[in-house]
Amino acid sequence: MSPGAAREPERTCVACRGKAPKRSLLRIARDPAGAVGLDRAGGAPGRGAYVHRDEACVGAALERGRIGRALRTRLGPEELATLAAGIEEELTQT
């Protein structure tokens, strides 16, 4: 890396615990009001959880409750279904 070059921050996937550059992961955020959703821009206020753009990691994070734990909230079946649909849509676009 050249002097003065900005270093991209790394984040940890909640499913596999692997580290990756922040921009290569999906961010799921819980806003201050408690609503959970996909943060496509990556800068929404509130608590965030990161997951690899990989079906195995996304599935593990949703099925094992790791996203809810990372966001410190309970996700009901409807919220999980909505979140899963949003993530699947995002994965098919990239």
N, C-alpha and C. Protein backbone atom coordinates (compact mmCIF):
# COMPACT_ATOMS: atom_id res chain seq x y z
N MET A 1 0.85 -1.18 0.00
CA MET A 1 0.00 0.00 0.00
C MET A 1 0.89 1.23 0.00
N SER A 2 0.52 2.20 -0.81
CA SER A 2 1.32 3.40 -0.92
C SER A 2 1.04 4.33 0.26
N PRO A 3 2.04 5.15 0.61
CA PRO A 3 1.83 6.08 1.72
C PRO A 3 0.68 7.04 1.42
N GLY A 4 -0.14 7.26 2.39
CA GLY A 4 -1.27 8.17 2.24
C GLY A 4 -2.52 7.53 1.67
N ALA A 5 -2.41 6.28 1.24
CA ALA A 5 -3.59 5.59 0.69
C ALA A 5 -4.50 5.17 1.84
N ALA A 6 -5.79 5.40 1.65
CA ALA A 6 -6.75 5.03 2.68
C ALA A 6 -6.94 3.52 2.69
N ARG A 7 -7.01 2.97 3.88
CA ARG A 7 -7.21 1.54 4.03
C ARG A 7 -8.69 1.27 4.24
N GLU A 8 -9.22 0.30 3.52
CA GLU A 8 -10.63 -0.04 3.68
C GLU A 8 -10.82 -0.85 4.95
N PRO A 9 -11.83 -0.49 5.75
CA PRO A 9 -12.06 -1.22 7.00
C PRO A 9 -12.55 -2.65 6.73
N GLU A 10 -12.22 -3.54 7.64
CA GLU A 10 -12.67 -4.93 7.55
C GLU A 10 -13.79 -5.14 8.56
N ARG A 11 -14.69 -6.05 8.21
CA ARG A 11 -15.77 -6.44 9.11
C ARG A 11 -15.81 -7.96 9.16
N THR A 12 -16.48 -8.50 10.17
CA THR A 12 -16.58 -9.94 10.37
C THR A 12 -17.97 -10.42 10.02
N CYS A 13 -18.05 -11.48 9.23
CA CYS A 13 -19.32 -12.10 8.86
C CYS A 13 -19.90 -12.78 10.10
N VAL A 14 -21.18 -12.53 10.39
CA VAL A 14 -21.79 -13.13 11.58
C VAL A 14 -22.01 -14.63 11.43
N ALA A 15 -21.98 -15.14 10.21
CA ALA A 15 -22.21 -16.57 9.99
C ALA A 15 -20.94 -17.38 10.13
N CYS A 16 -19.91 -17.05 9.35
CA CYS A 16 -18.69 -17.88 9.33
C CYS A 16 -17.55 -17.29 10.15
N ARG A 17 -17.72 -16.07 10.63
CA ARG A 17 -16.72 -15.35 11.43
C ARG A 17 -15.47 -14.99 10.61
N GLY A 18 -15.56 -15.08 9.29
CA GLY A 18 -14.45 -14.69 8.42
C GLY A 18 -14.44 -13.18 8.23
N LYS A 19 -13.24 -12.63 8.10
CA LYS A 19 -13.11 -11.18 7.90
C LYS A 19 -13.01 -10.89 6.41
N ALA A 20 -13.56 -9.72 6.03
CA ALA A 20 -13.53 -9.30 4.63
C ALA A 20 -13.65 -7.78 4.59
N PRO A 21 -13.27 -7.16 3.48
CA PRO A 21 -13.46 -5.71 3.35
C PRO A 21 -14.94 -5.36 3.48
N LYS A 22 -15.21 -4.27 4.15
CA LYS A 22 -16.59 -3.85 4.45
C LYS A 22 -17.47 -3.82 3.20
N ARG A 23 -16.95 -3.31 2.09
CA ARG A 23 -17.74 -3.15 0.87
C ARG A 23 -18.12 -4.49 0.23
N SER A 24 -17.42 -5.56 0.56
CA SER A 24 -17.73 -6.85 -0.06
C SER A 24 -18.80 -7.63 0.71
N LEU A 25 -19.22 -7.11 1.86
CA LEU A 25 -20.22 -7.78 2.68
C LEU A 25 -21.57 -7.07 2.60
N LEU A 26 -22.62 -7.79 2.90
CA LEU A 26 -23.95 -7.19 3.03
C LEU A 26 -24.10 -6.68 4.46
N ARG A 27 -24.69 -5.51 4.61
CA ARG A 27 -24.94 -4.96 5.95
C ARG A 27 -26.43 -5.00 6.24
N ILE A 28 -26.75 -5.53 7.38
CA ILE A 28 -28.12 -5.55 7.87
C ILE A 28 -28.13 -4.66 9.10
N ALA A 29 -29.07 -3.73 9.15
CA ALA A 29 -29.07 -2.75 10.23
C ALA A 29 -30.38 -2.74 11.00
N ARG A 30 -30.24 -2.40 12.28
CA ARG A 30 -31.40 -2.14 13.14
C ARG A 30 -31.37 -0.66 13.44
N ASP A 31 -32.39 0.05 12.98
CA ASP A 31 -32.40 1.50 13.20
C ASP A 31 -32.78 1.83 14.64
N PRO A 32 -32.62 3.08 15.04
CA PRO A 32 -32.93 3.45 16.42
C PRO A 32 -34.37 3.14 16.86
N ALA A 33 -35.29 3.06 15.89
CA ALA A 33 -36.68 2.73 16.22
C ALA A 33 -36.89 1.23 16.38
N GLY A 34 -35.89 0.42 15.99
CA GLY A 34 -35.98 -1.02 16.15
C GLY A 34 -36.28 -1.79 14.88
N ALA A 35 -36.50 -1.10 13.76
CA ALA A 35 -36.79 -1.77 12.49
C ALA A 35 -35.49 -2.35 11.91
N VAL A 36 -35.60 -3.58 11.39
CA VAL A 36 -34.44 -4.27 10.82
C VAL A 36 -34.61 -4.37 9.32
N GLY A 37 -33.54 -4.08 8.59
CA GLY A 37 -33.60 -4.17 7.13
C GLY A 37 -32.22 -4.19 6.52
N LEU A 38 -32.19 -4.47 5.25
CA LEU A 38 -30.94 -4.50 4.49
C LEU A 38 -30.48 -3.07 4.27
N ASP A 39 -29.23 -2.80 4.56
CA ASP A 39 -28.66 -1.46 4.39
C ASP A 39 -27.80 -1.49 3.13
N ARG A 40 -28.42 -1.19 2.00
CA ARG A 40 -27.72 -1.27 0.71
C ARG A 40 -26.60 -0.25 0.59
N ALA A 41 -26.77 0.93 1.17
CA ALA A 41 -25.75 1.97 1.08
C ALA A 41 -24.61 1.75 2.07
N GLY A 42 -24.88 1.01 3.14
CA GLY A 42 -23.84 0.70 4.11
C GLY A 42 -23.57 1.78 5.13
N GLY A 43 -24.43 2.77 5.24
CA GLY A 43 -24.17 3.84 6.19
C GLY A 43 -25.37 4.25 7.02
N ALA A 44 -26.39 3.41 7.08
CA ALA A 44 -27.59 3.74 7.86
C ALA A 44 -27.24 3.81 9.34
N PRO A 45 -27.91 4.70 10.07
CA PRO A 45 -27.64 4.77 11.50
C PRO A 45 -28.17 3.54 12.21
N GLY A 46 -27.59 3.23 13.33
CA GLY A 46 -28.04 2.10 14.13
C GLY A 46 -27.03 0.97 14.13
N ARG A 47 -27.40 -0.09 14.77
CA ARG A 47 -26.53 -1.26 14.93
C ARG A 47 -26.52 -2.07 13.64
N GLY A 48 -25.36 -2.57 13.25
CA GLY A 48 -25.24 -3.32 12.01
C GLY A 48 -24.64 -4.70 12.19
N ALA A 49 -24.99 -5.59 11.28
CA ALA A 49 -24.42 -6.93 11.22
C ALA A 49 -24.02 -7.18 9.77
N TYR A 50 -22.92 -7.87 9.58
CA TYR A 50 -22.40 -8.10 8.24
C TYR A 50 -22.40 -9.58 7.92
N VAL A 51 -22.66 -9.89 6.64
CA VAL A 51 -22.67 -11.28 6.18
C VAL A 51 -22.10 -11.31 4.76
N HIS A 52 -21.36 -12.38 4.46
CA HIS A 52 -20.81 -12.55 3.11
C HIS A 52 -21.93 -12.63 2.08
N ARG A 53 -21.65 -12.21 0.87
CA ARG A 53 -22.60 -12.31 -0.24
C ARG A 53 -22.56 -13.73 -0.80
N ASP A 54 -22.86 -14.68 0.05
CA ASP A 54 -22.76 -16.09 -0.27
C ASP A 54 -23.99 -16.79 0.32
N GLU A 55 -24.62 -17.65 -0.46
CA GLU A 55 -25.84 -18.30 0.01
C GLU A 55 -25.63 -19.11 1.29
N ALA A 56 -24.49 -19.75 1.42
CA ALA A 56 -24.22 -20.55 2.62
C ALA A 56 -24.15 -19.67 3.87
N CYS A 57 -23.46 -18.56 3.78
CA CYS A 57 -23.35 -17.66 4.93
C CYS A 57 -24.69 -17.01 5.25
N VAL A 58 -25.40 -16.57 4.23
CA VAL A 58 -26.71 -15.94 4.44
C VAL A 58 -27.66 -16.93 5.10
N GLY A 59 -27.70 -18.16 4.58
CA GLY A 59 -28.57 -19.19 5.15
C GLY A 59 -28.24 -19.48 6.60
N ALA A 60 -26.95 -19.62 6.89
CA ALA A 60 -26.53 -19.90 8.27
C ALA A 60 -26.88 -18.74 9.20
N ALA A 61 -26.68 -17.52 8.73
CA ALA A 61 -26.97 -16.35 9.57
C ALA A 61 -28.45 -16.24 9.88
N LEU A 62 -29.30 -16.55 8.90
CA LEU A 62 -30.75 -16.45 9.11
C LEU A 62 -31.28 -17.62 9.93
N GLU A 63 -30.85 -18.83 9.60
CA GLU A 63 -31.38 -20.03 10.26
C GLU A 63 -30.95 -20.16 11.71
N ARG A 64 -29.76 -19.76 12.01
CA ARG A 64 -29.24 -19.95 13.37
C ARG A 64 -29.45 -18.74 14.27
N GLY A 65 -30.13 -17.73 13.78
CA GLY A 65 -30.43 -16.56 14.60
C GLY A 65 -29.26 -15.64 14.86
N ARG A 66 -28.22 -15.76 14.07
CA ARG A 66 -27.02 -14.96 14.32
C ARG A 66 -27.22 -13.48 14.00
N ILE A 67 -28.06 -13.19 13.04
CA ILE A 67 -28.32 -11.79 12.71
C ILE A 67 -29.04 -11.11 13.87
N GLY A 68 -30.07 -11.74 14.40
CA GLY A 68 -30.80 -11.18 15.54
C GLY A 68 -29.90 -10.97 16.74
N ARG A 69 -29.04 -11.95 16.99
CA ARG A 69 -28.11 -11.84 18.13
C ARG A 69 -27.14 -10.68 17.92
N ALA A 70 -26.60 -10.56 16.71
CA ALA A 70 -25.66 -9.47 16.43
C ALA A 70 -26.32 -8.10 16.53
N LEU A 71 -27.61 -8.05 16.15
CA LEU A 71 -28.34 -6.78 16.22
C LEU A 71 -28.98 -6.54 17.58
N ARG A 72 -28.84 -7.53 18.47
CA ARG A 72 -29.41 -7.45 19.82
C ARG A 72 -30.91 -7.21 19.80
N THR A 73 -31.60 -8.05 18.99
CA THR A 73 -33.05 -7.96 18.88
C THR A 73 -33.61 -9.32 18.51
N ARG A 74 -34.91 -9.49 18.73
CA ARG A 74 -35.59 -10.71 18.30
C ARG A 74 -36.22 -10.44 16.94
N LEU A 75 -36.03 -11.38 16.03
CA LEU A 75 -36.64 -11.27 14.71
C LEU A 75 -37.73 -12.32 14.59
N GLY A 76 -38.94 -11.86 14.35
CA GLY A 76 -40.07 -12.77 14.17
C GLY A 76 -40.03 -13.42 12.79
N PRO A 77 -40.86 -14.42 12.58
CA PRO A 77 -40.89 -15.12 11.29
C PRO A 77 -41.16 -14.19 10.09
N GLU A 78 -42.05 -13.21 10.27
CA GLU A 78 -42.35 -12.27 9.18
C GLU A 78 -41.14 -11.41 8.86
N GLU A 79 -40.46 -10.93 9.90
CA GLU A 79 -39.28 -10.09 9.69
C GLU A 79 -38.17 -10.89 9.01
N LEU A 80 -37.99 -12.14 9.44
CA LEU A 80 -36.97 -12.99 8.81
C LEU A 80 -37.29 -13.26 7.35
N ALA A 81 -38.56 -13.50 7.04
CA ALA A 81 -38.96 -13.75 5.65
C ALA A 81 -38.73 -12.52 4.78
N THR A 82 -39.08 -11.35 5.29
CA THR A 82 -38.88 -10.10 4.56
C THR A 82 -37.39 -9.85 4.34
N LEU A 83 -36.61 -10.06 5.38
CA LEU A 83 -35.17 -9.87 5.29
C LEU A 83 -34.55 -10.85 4.30
N ALA A 84 -34.96 -12.11 4.36
CA ALA A 84 -34.44 -13.13 3.45
C ALA A 84 -34.77 -12.78 2.00
N ALA A 85 -35.98 -12.29 1.76
CA ALA A 85 -36.37 -11.90 0.40
C ALA A 85 -35.53 -10.74 -0.10
N GLY A 86 -35.29 -9.76 0.75
CA GLY A 86 -34.46 -8.61 0.38
C GLY A 86 -33.02 -9.02 0.08
N ILE A 87 -32.49 -9.93 0.89
CA ILE A 87 -31.12 -10.41 0.68
C ILE A 87 -31.03 -11.20 -0.62
N GLU A 88 -32.02 -12.06 -0.87
CA GLU A 88 -32.02 -12.86 -2.10
C GLU A 88 -32.08 -11.96 -3.33
N GLU A 89 -32.91 -10.92 -3.25
CA GLU A 89 -33.00 -9.96 -4.36
C GLU A 89 -31.66 -9.27 -4.58
N GLU A 90 -31.01 -8.89 -3.50
CA GLU A 90 -29.70 -8.24 -3.60
C GLU A 90 -28.66 -9.17 -4.21
N LEU A 91 -28.68 -10.44 -3.82
CA LEU A 91 -27.71 -11.41 -4.35
C LEU A 91 -27.92 -11.67 -5.83
N THR A 92 -29.15 -11.65 -6.29
CA THR A 92 -29.41 -11.90 -7.71
C THR A 92 -29.05 -10.69 -8.57
N GLN A 93 -28.99 -9.50 -7.98
CA GLN A 93 -28.64 -8.29 -8.73
C GLN A 93 -27.14 -8.17 -8.94
N THR A 94 -26.35 -8.74 -8.06
CA THR A 94 -24.90 -8.58 -8.17
C THR A 94 -24.25 -9.72 -8.89
